[in-house]
C-alpha atoms as a PDB file:
ATOM      1  CA  MET A   1     -70.193-194.377  52.563  1.00  0.00           C
ATOM      2  CA  HIS A   2     -68.693-195.338  49.227  1.00  0.00           C
ATOM      3  CA  ALA A   3     -70.113-197.603  46.557  1.00  0.00           C
ATOM      4  CA  GLU A   4     -69.380-198.570  42.960  1.00  0.00           C
ATOM      5  CA  PHE A   5     -71.297-200.270  40.236  1.00  0.00           C
ATOM      6  CA  GLY A   6     -72.207-203.838  41.204  1.00  0.00           C
ATOM      7  CA  ASP A   7     -71.841-203.401  45.006  1.00  0.00           C
ATOM      8  CA  HIS A   8     -74.795-204.283  47.208  1.00  0.00           C
ATOM      9  CA  LEU A   9     -76.624-201.850  49.372  1.00  0.00           C
ATOM     10  CA  VAL A  10     -78.096-203.609  52.444  1.00  0.00           C
ATOM     11  CA  VAL A  11     -80.757-201.900  54.549  1.00  0.00           C
ATOM     12  CA  GLU A  12     -81.391-203.600  57.861  1.00  0.00           C
ATOM     13  CA  GLY A  13     -84.899-203.749  59.128  1.00  0.00           C
ATOM     14  CA  SER A  14     -85.419-201.169  61.984  1.00  0.00           C
ATOM     15  CA  THR A  15     -88.241-203.167  63.631  1.00  0.00           C
ATOM     16  CA  ALA A  16     -89.169-206.802  64.011  1.00  0.00           C
ATOM     17  CA  GLU A  17     -91.734-206.520  61.310  1.00  0.00           C
ATOM     18  CA  ALA A  18     -89.333-204.834  58.930  1.00  0.00           C
ATOM     19  CA  HIS A  19     -87.159-207.200  56.757  1.00  0.00           C
ATOM     20  CA  ARG A  20     -83.591-206.687  55.479  1.00  0.00           C
ATOM     21  CA  ARG A  21     -83.636-205.297  51.960  1.00  0.00           C
ATOM     22  CA  GLN A  22     -80.856-205.538  49.448  1.00  0.00           C
ATOM     23  CA  ALA A  23     -80.286-203.835  46.184  1.00  0.00           C
ATOM     24  CA  VAL A  24     -77.553-203.713  43.579  1.00  0.00           C
ATOM     25  CA  VAL A  25     -75.895-200.341  42.996  1.00  0.00           C
ATOM     26  CA  LEU A  26     -76.236-199.232  39.390  1.00  0.00           C
ATOM     27  CA  GLU A  27     -74.641-195.708  39.863  1.00  0.00           C
ATOM     28  CA  ALA A  28     -73.074-193.580  42.564  1.00  0.00           C
ATOM     29  CA  ARG A  29     -74.206-190.043  41.846  1.00  0.00           C
ATOM     30  CA  GLY A  30     -72.427-188.385  44.678  1.00  0.00           C
ATOM     31  CA  GLU A  31     -68.933-187.120  44.827  1.00  0.00           C
ATOM     32  CA  GLY A  32     -66.213-189.800  45.153  1.00  0.00           C
ATOM     33  CA  GLY A  33     -68.765-192.739  45.080  1.00  0.00           C
ATOM     34  CA  GLY A  34     -71.050-191.199  47.713  1.00  0.00           C
ATOM     35  CA  PRO A  35     -74.849-191.105  47.853  1.00  0.00           C
ATOM     36  CA  PRO A  36     -77.262-190.771  46.340  1.00  0.00           C
ATOM     37  CA  TYR A  37     -77.278-194.194  44.715  1.00  0.00           C
ATOM     38  CA  LEU A  38     -79.312-195.411  41.799  1.00  0.00           C
ATOM     39  CA  VAL A  39     -80.146-199.009  42.897  1.00  0.00           C
ATOM     40  CA  ARG A  40     -82.248-202.010  41.607  1.00  0.00           C
ATOM     41  CA  TRP A  41     -84.064-203.919  44.283  1.00  0.00           C
ATOM     42  CA  ALA A  42     -84.699-207.730  44.166  1.00  0.00           C
ATOM     43  CA  ASP A  43     -88.185-207.106  42.729  1.00  0.00           C
ATOM     44  CA  GLY A  44     -86.704-205.213  39.769  1.00  0.00           C
ATOM     45  CA  HIS A  45     -87.763-201.769  41.015  1.00  0.00           C
ATOM     46  CA  GLU A  46     -85.179-199.062  40.537  1.00  0.00           C
ATOM     47  CA  SER A  47     -84.914-196.050  42.736  1.00  0.00           C
ATOM     48  CA  LEU A  48     -82.603-193.257  43.957  1.00  0.00           C
ATOM     49  CA  VAL A  49     -81.573-193.777  47.490  1.00  0.00           C
ATOM     50  CA  PHE A  50     -80.069-191.697  50.205  1.00  0.00           C
ATOM     51  CA  PRO A  51     -79.051-194.362  52.717  1.00  0.00           C
ATOM     52  CA  GLY A  52     -79.667-193.853  56.405  1.00  0.00           C
ATOM     53  CA  PRO A  53     -77.757-195.160  59.454  1.00  0.00           C
ATOM     54  CA  ASP A  54     -79.341-198.589  59.176  1.00  0.00           C
ATOM     55  CA  ALA A  55     -77.639-199.151  55.662  1.00  0.00           C
ATOM     56  CA  HIS A  56     -74.315-200.398  54.648  1.00  0.00           C
ATOM     57  CA  ILE A  57     -72.403-201.393  51.439  1.00  0.00           C
ATOM     58  CA  VAL A  58     -71.125-204.867  50.626  1.00  0.00           C
ATOM     59  CA  PRO A  59     -68.423-204.779  47.911  1.00  0.00           C
ATOM     60  CA  ALA A  60     -69.103-206.836  44.799  1.00  0.00           C
END
């Protein structure tokens, strides 16, 4: 997985009750644009994320 500033991290819900979440990538801290990613979620919360298999990157 590779991301750059401004890309979107999309995490699909793994159950019927879980909703899709989307965040803007602020920084890729791994080698070559890899995880972990510093992201800002839609509610303004920022966190460091190690995406799982239910996540993908949408280029800006």
